């Protein structure tokens, strides 16, 4: 079905979630229909992980970020939190 302007309707996409920290196992309640990308903590995946998450956020490919605070440094957590605030991307902290 098309709208009055003649454009085809686009299906609503899945929620795109990033999980920062941990080892890739789910430690939080993420919506079942979400597409999830895991970003390991700096101790598990190196400092490049935070840079890759930053790039994904700035590219607009992430809709919500879950930060597993137990596995991240204050510096990485603060940096990602500031970027999310700037880009108006919701953040959920999980302990």
Protein backbone atom coordinates (compact mmCIF):
# COMPACT_ATOMS: atom_id res chain seq x y z
CA UNK A 1 0.00 0.00 0.00
CA UNK A 2 1.29 3.48 -0.70
CA UNK A 3 0.70 6.70 1.15
CA UNK A 4 -1.02 9.77 -0.34
CA UNK A 5 2.35 11.19 -1.44
CA UNK A 6 3.00 8.12 -3.56
CA UNK A 7 5.96 6.80 -1.54
CA UNK A 8 6.10 3.13 -0.60
CA UNK A 9 5.71 2.51 3.13
CA UNK A 10 8.86 1.23 4.81
CA UNK A 11 8.59 -1.47 7.47
CA UNK A 12 9.64 -0.44 10.95
CA UNK A 13 13.14 -1.77 11.61
CA UNK A 14 14.35 -3.76 14.57
CA UNK A 15 15.85 -2.03 17.56
CA UNK A 16 19.64 -1.96 17.11
CA UNK A 17 21.33 -2.49 20.47
CA UNK A 18 24.97 -2.31 21.55
CA UNK A 19 26.19 -4.05 24.70
CA UNK A 20 29.47 -2.67 26.04
CA UNK A 21 31.43 -4.86 28.43
CA UNK A 22 31.41 -8.45 29.49
CA UNK A 23 32.29 -11.44 27.40
CA UNK A 24 29.41 -11.57 24.93
CA UNK A 25 27.00 -13.42 27.18
CA UNK A 26 23.76 -11.62 27.89
CA UNK A 27 23.70 -10.10 31.37
CA UNK A 28 20.68 -7.88 30.82
CA UNK A 29 17.14 -8.00 29.51
CA UNK A 30 17.27 -6.94 25.90
CA UNK A 31 14.10 -6.95 23.78
CA UNK A 32 13.75 -10.30 22.01
CA UNK A 33 13.35 -8.76 18.56
CA UNK A 34 16.44 -6.52 18.87
CA UNK A 35 19.56 -6.85 16.78
CA UNK A 36 22.46 -6.97 19.24
CA UNK A 37 26.13 -6.12 18.73
CA UNK A 38 28.55 -6.92 21.55
CA UNK A 39 31.58 -4.74 22.31
CA UNK A 40 33.97 -6.35 24.81
CA UNK A 41 35.46 -4.40 27.70
CA UNK A 42 38.88 -2.88 27.10
CA UNK A 43 40.46 -5.62 29.24
CA UNK A 44 38.91 -8.32 27.03
CA UNK A 45 39.00 -6.72 23.60
CA UNK A 46 41.55 -3.93 23.70
CA UNK A 47 41.04 -0.17 23.44
CA UNK A 48 39.90 -0.40 19.82
CA UNK A 49 36.53 -1.70 20.96
CA UNK A 50 35.49 1.67 22.39
CA UNK A 51 36.60 3.35 19.14
CA UNK A 52 34.53 0.90 17.08
CA UNK A 53 31.47 1.55 19.27
CA UNK A 54 32.03 5.31 18.94
CA UNK A 55 32.15 4.97 15.15
CA UNK A 56 28.96 2.89 15.12
CA UNK A 57 27.18 5.46 17.28
CA UNK A 58 28.24 8.36 15.08
CA UNK A 59 27.23 6.41 11.95
CA UNK A 60 23.71 6.06 13.33
CA UNK A 61 23.71 2.26 13.41
CA UNK A 62 22.93 1.95 17.15
CA UNK A 63 19.57 2.85 18.75
CA UNK A 64 20.24 1.94 22.40
CA UNK A 65 23.36 1.16 24.45
CA UNK A 66 23.58 -1.16 27.44
CA UNK A 67 26.73 -0.61 29.51
CA UNK A 68 27.78 -3.44 31.80
CA UNK A 69 29.50 -1.29 34.41
CA UNK A 70 31.22 -4.17 36.18
CA UNK A 71 33.49 -4.82 33.19
CA UNK A 72 34.33 -1.28 32.04
CA UNK A 73 36.65 1.43 33.24
CA UNK A 74 35.27 4.79 34.32
CA UNK A 75 37.01 6.43 31.37
CA UNK A 76 35.39 4.23 28.70
CA UNK A 77 31.99 4.36 30.41
CA UNK A 78 32.14 8.16 30.67
CA UNK A 79 33.26 8.62 27.06
CA UNK A 80 30.49 6.43 25.62
CA UNK A 81 27.92 8.02 27.92
CA UNK A 82 28.89 11.54 26.73
CA UNK A 83 28.68 10.55 23.07
CA UNK A 84 25.27 8.93 23.62
CA UNK A 85 24.02 12.04 25.40
CA UNK A 86 25.27 14.25 22.56
CA UNK A 87 23.59 12.01 19.96
CA UNK A 88 20.45 11.50 22.09
CA UNK A 89 20.88 7.73 22.21
CA UNK A 90 19.43 6.09 25.33
CA UNK A 91 21.81 4.32 27.70
CA UNK A 92 20.95 1.63 30.24
CA UNK A 93 23.46 0.79 32.96
CA UNK A 94 23.59 -2.81 34.13
CA UNK A 95 25.58 -3.88 37.19
